[in-house]
Amino acid sequence: MSLGVASLSTTENLPVAILTPIAEGLNVTTGMAGQALTASAISATVAALTVAVLTRNLDRRILLLSLTVLQVIANLIMALAPNLATVLVGRVLVGIAVGGFWSMSAALALRLVPTVDVPKALAIVFGGSSVAGIAAAPLGSLLGGVIGWRGVFWAATALSVVALSIQLPSLPSMPPQTRANLGTFVVLLRRPAVLAGLAGIMLTFGGHRFFFGYVRAMLDQATNSRVGLISGLLLLFGVASFIGTTRSGRLHSRNMNRTMTVASATIAVLALVMIPASQHWLSVIPVLFFWGVAFGMIPVGWSTWITRAVADHAESAGGLQVAIIQLAFIVASGLGGVVVDRSGVSGILVGTAVIMALAAVHIHFLVRPANPPLNPDSV
């Protein structure tokens, strides 16, 4: 699953690194090519809310393999695309794979390992996404200059095929345990615990995105727009996120609520520290590193919350989670654009601190799923 996530996240994020060459190759503007990202975000949201319902009678092994096959097809379409319309078709398929997989990730982990080992399993799965976050952009940009943007998607196709070839013999049969339908979402939204969790997801992902969507503006200020330094600092953040993700399993096993509260509060403090630190790139390094470690713990934490608080409808809850994250990204990016134009980087950082502080308080007092008994061998 971790290799499949690495392949999926690479496919999802590649256009960011090679957007300009794609636009030039298809003879369209960069803004038009950027709609490929919008297309995948929309289809990911729809897929997250519908996959569990539409495939409620399908073995989860077959579904996961089908989503990996969809990755392969999407990458092939991108590599062979003669025009922007075809690229958009490929990106819609990518979005379906992204939304479908992430909506099921917590439920699948719950099926594959004992309950006490779920946080560790999720940390491994999300580790694949973190590796892709570190490597996809710099490698995509580098390879794009050597073999062209179409060659990059051929390489992504090969990675997807490798993931599929490993999943075929290793994934066990997982017959559906619940029969999700659209009414399941209504049932979940009537639960106060679910609403509290979704609000926490909105705050944590929205607060982080509020800043990180405009991190380039801050890095331009700190480095005087030196591209090499900016790339290095973004790579540092990716490595830090990987560390936070892979090390968070033990912390969530012991006390998910405390771990999430501390991670959110840490980002709130770091956002304020970043205001003076952003004046020079050297002082940005430790702040960005610890920010990455703290944020790396958050996705694992919320998936752990689903397996504990909504275990009876984990797939549907996962779909709601993905949809709420996408909504948080849309709202945070829109509001962030207004704030950065009016108040600059400092305004963005103050807003991030406020949102993440609210998230920490909310999680501490309102999001309290039961922590399962610890298995000493698992941690």
Protein backbone atom coordinates (compact mmCIF):
# COMPACT_ATOMS: atom_id res chain seq x y z
CA MET A 1 0.00 0.00 0.00
CA SER A 2 2.85 2.38 0.81
CA LEU A 3 4.42 1.87 -2.62
CA GLY A 4 1.02 2.41 -4.21
CA VAL A 5 0.65 5.67 -2.27
CA ALA A 6 4.10 6.80 -3.40
CA SER A 7 3.10 6.09 -7.01
CA LEU A 8 -0.27 7.80 -6.60
CA SER A 9 1.12 10.91 -4.90
CA THR A 10 3.85 11.18 -7.54
CA THR A 11 1.26 11.03 -10.31
CA GLU A 12 -0.89 13.60 -8.50
CA ASN A 13 1.91 16.13 -7.96
CA LEU A 14 3.98 15.83 -11.15
CA PRO A 15 2.17 18.60 -13.10
CA VAL A 16 3.29 21.13 -10.47
CA ALA A 17 6.94 20.48 -11.37
CA ILE A 18 6.50 20.44 -15.16
CA LEU A 19 3.52 22.74 -15.69
CA THR A 20 5.38 25.19 -17.94
CA PRO A 21 6.76 22.48 -20.28
CA ILE A 22 3.28 20.93 -20.49
CA ALA A 23 1.80 24.30 -21.47
CA GLU A 24 4.50 24.87 -24.08
CA GLY A 25 4.16 21.35 -25.46
CA LEU A 26 0.39 21.68 -25.87
CA ASN A 27 0.60 25.31 -27.05
CA VAL A 28 -1.62 26.66 -24.27
CA THR A 29 -1.08 29.20 -21.50
CA THR A 30 0.30 28.14 -18.14
CA GLY A 31 -2.99 29.14 -16.55
CA MET A 32 -4.92 26.86 -18.90
CA ALA A 33 -2.53 23.98 -18.20
CA GLY A 34 -3.01 24.65 -14.49
CA GLN A 35 -6.65 23.66 -14.85
CA ALA A 36 -5.36 20.10 -14.91
CA LEU A 37 -4.82 20.47 -11.16
CA THR A 38 -8.34 21.80 -10.71
CA ALA A 39 -9.79 18.87 -12.66
CA SER A 40 -8.12 16.29 -10.44
CA ALA A 41 -9.17 18.11 -7.24
CA ILE A 42 -12.83 18.15 -8.31
CA SER A 43 -12.90 14.50 -9.34
CA ALA A 44 -11.06 13.52 -6.14
CA THR A 45 -13.75 15.19 -4.05
CA VAL A 46 -16.57 13.47 -5.95
CA ALA A 47 -14.80 10.09 -5.82
CA ALA A 48 -14.16 10.39 -2.09
CA LEU A 49 -17.88 10.75 -1.44
CA THR A 50 -19.11 8.11 -3.88
CA VAL A 51 -16.58 5.27 -4.20
CA ALA A 52 -17.63 3.52 -0.98
CA VAL A 53 -21.28 3.68 -2.08
CA LEU A 54 -20.79 2.65 -5.71
CA THR A 55 -18.48 -0.26 -4.83
CA ARG A 56 -20.19 -1.46 -1.65
CA ASN A 57 -20.44 -5.04 -2.97
CA LEU A 58 -16.89 -5.20 -4.34
CA ASP A 59 -13.96 -6.95 -2.67
CA ARG A 60 -11.61 -4.22 -1.40
CA ARG A 61 -8.60 -6.03 -2.91
CA ILE A 62 -10.16 -5.78 -6.36
CA LEU A 63 -11.07 -2.14 -5.77
CA LEU A 64 -7.54 -1.20 -4.68
CA LEU A 65 -6.02 -3.01 -7.66
CA SER A 66 -8.52 -1.28 -9.97
CA LEU A 67 -7.49 2.13 -8.64
CA THR A 68 -3.84 1.28 -9.33
CA VAL A 69 -4.76 0.21 -12.87
CA LEU A 70 -6.51 3.57 -13.20
CA GLN A 71 -3.20 5.25 -12.29
CA VAL A 72 -1.47 3.36 -15.09
CA ILE A 73 -4.13 4.38 -17.62
CA ALA A 74 -4.09 8.01 -16.46
CA ASN A 75 -0.30 8.25 -16.82
CA LEU A 76 -0.46 6.69 -20.29
CA ILE A 77 -3.11 9.22 -21.34
CA MET A 78 -0.93 12.07 -20.06
CA ALA A 79 2.15 10.73 -21.85
CA LEU A 80 0.30 10.41 -25.17
CA ALA A 81 -2.04 13.43 -24.86
CA PRO A 82 -2.27 15.40 -28.13
CA ASN A 83 -4.15 18.33 -26.55
CA LEU A 84 -5.29 19.91 -23.30
CA ALA A 85 -8.69 18.20 -23.38
CA THR A 86 -7.01 14.79 -23.29
CA VAL A 87 -4.76 15.91 -20.46
CA LEU A 88 -7.85 16.92 -18.48
CA VAL A 89 -9.34 13.45 -19.02
CA GLY A 90 -6.17 11.91 -17.64
CA ARG A 91 -6.25 14.23 -14.62
CA VAL A 92 -9.89 13.38 -13.90
CA LEU A 93 -8.88 9.71 -13.74
CA VAL A 94 -6.02 10.62 -11.40
CA GLY A 95 -8.48 12.42 -9.14
CA ILE A 96 -10.76 9.38 -9.02
CA ALA A 97 -7.81 7.22 -7.95
CA VAL A 98 -6.71 9.78 -5.34
CA GLY A 99 -10.17 10.29 -3.84
CA GLY A 100 -10.99 6.60 -3.96
CA PHE A 101 -7.81 5.45 -2.27
CA TRP A 102 -7.58 8.06 0.46
CA SER A 103 -11.22 7.60 1.38
CA MET A 104 -10.46 3.92 2.06
CA SER A 105 -6.95 4.13 3.54
CA ALA A 106 -7.97 4.11 7.19
CA ALA A 107 -10.54 1.34 6.66
CA LEU A 108 -8.00 -0.80 4.79
CA ALA A 109 -5.41 -0.40 7.55
CA LEU A 110 -8.07 -1.46 10.04
CA ARG A 111 -8.62 -4.63 7.99
CA LEU A 112 -4.95 -5.51 7.47
CA VAL A 113 -3.47 -5.20 10.98
CA PRO A 114 -4.59 -5.57 14.61
CA THR A 115 -6.25 -2.47 16.06
CA VAL A 116 -3.28 -1.57 18.26
CA ASP A 117 -1.00 -1.55 15.19
CA VAL A 118 -3.19 0.71 13.06
CA PRO A 119 -1.26 3.94 13.84
CA LYS A 120 2.01 2.25 12.87
CA ALA A 121 0.44 0.90 9.66
CA LEU A 122 -0.94 4.33 8.75
CA ALA A 123 2.46 5.92 9.40
CA ILE A 124 4.00 3.46 6.92
CA VAL A 125 1.28 4.14 4.33
CA PHE A 126 1.55 7.91 4.70
CA GLY A 127 5.33 7.53 4.57
CA GLY A 128 4.92 6.60 0.92
CA SER A 129 3.14 9.89 0.33
CA SER A 130 5.88 11.78 2.16
CA VAL A 131 8.58 10.14 0.03
CA ALA A 132 6.67 11.24 -3.07
CA GLY A 133 6.40 14.73 -1.61
CA ILE A 134 10.17 14.86 -1.24
CA ALA A 135 11.06 13.38 -4.62
CA ALA A 136 8.26 14.11 -7.10
CA ALA A 137 8.80 17.84 -7.64
CA PRO A 138 12.64 17.94 -7.86
CA LEU A 139 12.92 14.68 -9.82
CA GLY A 140 10.05 15.63 -12.10
CA SER A 141 11.65 18.97 -12.85
CA LEU A 142 15.07 17.38 -13.44
CA LEU A 143 13.79 14.56 -15.65
CA GLY A 144 11.57 16.98 -17.55
CA GLY A 145 14.68 18.83 -18.70
CA VAL A 146 16.33 15.57 -19.82
CA ILE A 147 13.59 13.38 -21.30
CA GLY A 148 10.77 15.92 -21.71
CA TRP A 149 7.46 16.13 -19.88
CA ARG A 150 5.99 13.19 -21.77
CA GLY A 151 8.99 11.09 -20.73
CA VAL A 152 8.27 12.00 -17.12
CA PHE A 153 4.78 10.53 -17.42
CA TRP A 154 6.19 7.40 -19.08
CA ALA A 155 8.40 7.04 -15.98
CA ALA A 156 5.35 7.54 -13.76
CA THR A 157 3.57 4.83 -15.75
CA ALA A 158 6.44 2.44 -15.04
CA LEU A 159 6.27 3.24 -11.31
CA SER A 160 2.53 2.54 -11.30
CA VAL A 161 3.11 -0.80 -13.04
CA VAL A 162 5.70 -1.74 -10.40
CA ALA A 163 3.22 -0.89 -7.64
CA LEU A 164 0.55 -3.01 -9.32
CA SER A 165 2.91 -5.96 -9.78
CA ILE A 166 3.69 -5.95 -6.04
CA GLN A 167 0.09 -5.47 -4.93
CA LEU A 168 -1.22 -8.36 -7.03
CA PRO A 169 0.48 -11.15 -5.03
CA SER A 170 0.55 -9.43 -1.66
CA LEU A 171 -2.90 -7.95 -1.02
CA PRO A 172 -5.33 -10.38 0.66
CA SER A 173 -8.99 -10.68 -0.18
CA MET A 174 -11.06 -8.14 1.78
CA PRO A 175 -14.80 -8.70 1.22
CA PRO A 176 -16.89 -5.64 2.13
CA GLN A 177 -18.00 -5.67 5.75
CA THR A 178 -20.55 -2.85 5.56
CA ARG A 179 -22.94 -1.80 2.81
CA ALA A 180 -22.44 1.96 2.52
CA ASN A 181 -25.09 4.16 0.91
CA LEU A 182 -25.73 7.87 0.70
CA GLY A 183 -27.79 7.65 3.86
CA THR A 184 -24.63 6.57 5.70
CA PHE A 185 -23.27 10.09 5.34
CA VAL A 186 -26.43 11.47 6.97
CA VAL A 187 -26.04 8.98 9.82
CA LEU A 188 -22.42 10.02 10.36
CA LEU A 189 -23.16 13.74 10.23
CA ARG A 190 -25.73 13.30 12.99
CA ARG A 191 -23.03 12.10 15.36
CA PRO A 192 -21.54 14.94 17.46
CA ALA A 193 -18.19 13.13 17.62
CA VAL A 194 -17.99 12.99 13.82
CA LEU A 195 -18.88 16.67 13.45
CA ALA A 196 -16.21 17.56 16.01
CA GLY A 197 -13.65 15.51 14.13
CA LEU A 198 -14.54 17.00 10.74
CA ALA A 199 -14.27 20.50 12.23
CA GLY A 200 -10.82 19.60 13.52
CA ILE A 201 -9.80 18.31 10.10
CA MET A 202 -11.03 21.54 8.51
CA LEU A 203 -9.06 23.68 10.96
CA THR A 204 -5.78 21.76 10.86
CA PHE A 205 -5.55 21.24 7.10
CA GLY A 206 -7.00 24.68 6.36
CA GLY A 207 -4.63 26.39 8.79
CA HIS A 208 -1.59 24.70 7.28
CA ARG A 209 -2.74 25.37 3.72
CA PHE A 210 -3.46 29.02 4.59
CA PHE A 211 0.29 29.49 4.90
CA PHE A 212 1.75 26.76 2.72
CA GLY A 213 -0.30 27.72 -0.32
CA TYR A 214 1.71 30.96 -0.31
CA VAL A 215 5.00 29.65 1.06
CA ARG A 216 6.76 30.74 -2.13
CA ALA A 217 6.06 34.39 -1.29
CA MET A 218 7.69 33.95 2.12
CA LEU A 219 10.67 32.09 0.67
CA ASP A 220 11.14 34.74 -2.01
CA GLN A 221 11.33 37.31 0.79
CA ALA A 222 13.76 35.26 2.88
CA THR A 223 16.11 34.30 0.02
CA ASN A 224 15.82 37.35 -2.23
CA SER A 225 14.21 35.02 -4.79
CA ARG A 226 17.22 32.71 -5.15
CA VAL A 227 15.73 29.64 -6.78
CA GLY A 228 18.39 27.22 -5.55
CA LEU A 229 17.82 28.19 -1.93
CA ILE A 230 14.06 28.02 -2.34
CA SER A 231 14.28 24.48 -3.74
CA GLY A 232 16.56 23.45 -0.89
CA LEU A 233 14.20 24.84 1.75
CA LEU A 234 11.20 23.08 0.20
CA LEU A 235 13.20 19.84 0.13
CA LEU A 236 14.00 20.38 3.82
CA PHE A 237 10.29 20.71 4.59
CA GLY A 238 9.57 17.50 2.69
CA VAL A 239 12.23 15.58 4.61
CA ALA A 240 10.93 16.97 7.91
CA SER A 241 7.37 15.93 7.03
CA PHE A 242 8.61 12.44 6.26
CA ILE A 243 10.26 12.26 9.69
CA GLY A 244 7.09 13.48 11.41
CA THR A 245 4.92 11.03 9.49
CA THR A 246 7.05 7.95 10.05
CA ARG A 247 7.68 8.68 13.73
CA SER A 248 4.11 9.59 14.62
CA GLY A 249 2.77 6.03 14.84
CA ARG A 250 4.09 5.48 18.37
CA LEU A 251 2.83 8.85 19.58
CA HIS A 252 -0.68 8.29 18.21
CA SER A 253 -0.72 4.80 19.72
CA ARG A 254 -0.05 6.25 23.15
CA ASN A 255 -2.33 9.30 22.99
CA MET A 256 -3.70 10.57 19.69
CA ASN A 257 -5.48 13.55 21.22
CA ARG A 258 -2.39 14.88 22.97
CA THR A 259 -0.19 14.33 19.91
CA MET A 260 -2.59 16.22 17.63
CA THR A 261 -3.05 19.02 20.13
CA VAL A 262 0.70 19.51 20.55
CA ALA A 263 1.32 19.34 16.79
CA SER A 264 -1.33 22.00 16.09
CA ALA A 265 -0.14 24.26 18.93
CA THR A 266 3.46 23.88 17.75
CA ILE A 267 2.55 25.08 14.25
CA ALA A 268 0.68 28.04 15.78
CA VAL A 269 3.79 29.09 17.71
CA LEU A 270 6.10 28.48 14.74
CA ALA A 271 3.89 30.67 12.54
CA LEU A 272 4.49 33.60 14.89
CA VAL A 273 8.21 32.82 15.13
CA MET A 274 8.37 32.75 11.33
CA ILE A 275 7.43 36.46 11.12
CA PRO A 276 10.85 37.71 12.25
CA ALA A 277 12.62 34.57 10.98
CA SER A 278 11.42 35.15 7.42
CA GLN A 279 13.77 38.10 7.07
CA HIS A 280 16.69 35.74 6.33
CA TRP A 281 16.84 32.23 4.93
CA LEU A 282 19.20 30.92 7.63
CA SER A 283 16.69 31.66 10.39
CA VAL A 284 13.94 30.05 8.31
CA ILE A 285 15.67 26.65 8.35
CA PRO A 286 14.89 25.50 11.92
CA VAL A 287 11.36 26.94 11.85
CA LEU A 288 10.50 25.24 8.57
CA PHE A 289 12.04 21.96 9.75
CA PHE A 290 10.03 21.73 12.97
CA TRP A 291 6.92 22.89 11.12
CA GLY A 292 7.34 19.99 8.70
CA VAL A 293 7.80 17.48 11.53
CA ALA A 294 4.67 18.77 13.31
CA PHE A 295 2.49 18.77 10.21
CA GLY A 296 3.69 15.29 9.20
CA MET A 297 1.92 13.93 12.28
CA ILE A 298 -1.48 15.41 11.42
CA PRO A 299 -2.66 13.26 8.44
CA VAL A 300 -1.74 10.07 10.31
CA GLY A 301 -3.57 11.36 13.36
CA TRP A 302 -6.86 12.00 11.60
CA SER A 303 -6.81 8.62 9.88
CA THR A 304 -6.14 7.05 13.28
CA TRP A 305 -9.13 8.97 14.65
CA ILE A 306 -11.36 7.44 11.96
CA THR A 307 -10.30 3.91 12.88
CA ARG A 308 -11.14 4.55 16.53
CA ALA A 309 -14.13 6.90 16.51
CA VAL A 310 -15.92 5.76 13.32
CA ALA A 311 -14.73 2.18 12.92
CA ASP A 312 -18.23 0.96 11.99
CA HIS A 313 -18.29 3.20 8.89
CA ALA A 314 -14.59 3.83 8.30
CA GLU A 315 -14.84 3.97 4.49
CA SER A 316 -17.67 6.53 4.45
CA ALA A 317 -15.93 8.56 7.16
CA GLY A 318 -12.76 8.46 5.07
CA GLY A 319 -14.72 9.88 2.14
CA LEU A 320 -16.00 12.73 4.31
CA GLN A 321 -12.45 13.35 5.49
CA VAL A 322 -11.07 13.69 1.95
CA ALA A 323 -13.96 15.97 0.93
CA ILE A 324 -13.46 18.20 3.98
CA ILE A 325 -9.71 18.44 3.29
CA GLN A 326 -10.40 19.51 -0.30
CA LEU A 327 -12.92 22.08 0.94
CA ALA A 328 -10.37 23.34 3.48
CA PHE A 329 -7.82 23.76 0.69
CA ILE A 330 -10.26 25.73 -1.45
CA VAL A 331 -11.32 28.07 1.38
CA ALA A 332 -7.81 28.55 2.73
CA SER A 333 -6.30 29.25 -0.69
CA GLY A 334 -9.03 31.79 -1.47
CA LEU A 335 -8.81 33.62 1.85
CA GLY A 336 -5.03 33.40 1.83
CA GLY A 337 -4.91 35.14 -1.54
CA VAL A 338 -6.91 38.07 -0.15
CA VAL A 339 -4.78 38.32 3.00
CA VAL A 340 -1.40 38.10 1.23
CA ASP A 341 -2.42 40.87 -1.18
CA ARG A 342 -3.53 43.15 1.66
CA SER A 343 -1.16 42.30 4.50
CA GLY A 344 1.72 40.42 2.93
CA VAL A 345 3.49 37.41 4.40
CA SER A 346 3.08 38.64 7.99
CA GLY A 347 -0.71 38.66 7.62
CA ILE A 348 -0.65 35.08 6.34
CA LEU A 349 1.48 33.94 9.28
CA VAL A 350 -0.71 35.67 11.88
CA GLY A 351 -3.81 34.11 10.32
CA THR A 352 -2.15 30.67 10.36
CA ALA A 353 -1.25 31.07 14.03
CA VAL A 354 -4.83 31.96 14.93
CA ILE A 355 -6.35 29.04 12.99
CA MET A 356 -3.90 26.46 14.34
CA ALA A 357 -4.35 27.73 17.91
CA LEU A 358 -8.11 27.31 17.50
CA ALA A 359 -7.45 23.82 16.13
CA ALA A 360 -5.35 22.90 19.17
CA VAL A 361 -8.05 24.08 21.60
CA HIS A 362 -10.79 22.35 19.59
CA ILE A 363 -8.94 19.03 19.46
CA HIS A 364 -8.01 19.12 23.15
CA PHE A 365 -11.53 19.74 24.41
CA LEU A 366 -13.84 18.28 21.77
CA VAL A 367 -12.04 15.50 19.85
CA ARG A 368 -11.45 12.71 22.32
CA PRO A 369 -11.73 9.19 20.84
CA ALA A 370 -10.91 6.34 23.17
CA ASN A 371 -7.31 5.18 23.05
CA PRO A 372 -7.09 1.38 22.70
CA PRO A 373 -4.95 -0.68 25.06
CA LEU A 374 -1.32 -0.62 24.10
CA ASN A 375 0.45 -3.68 22.79
CA PRO A 376 4.04 -3.19 24.00
CA ASP A 377 5.40 -5.12 21.01
CA SER A 378 3.70 -2.77 18.56
CA VAL A 379 5.34 0.41 19.89
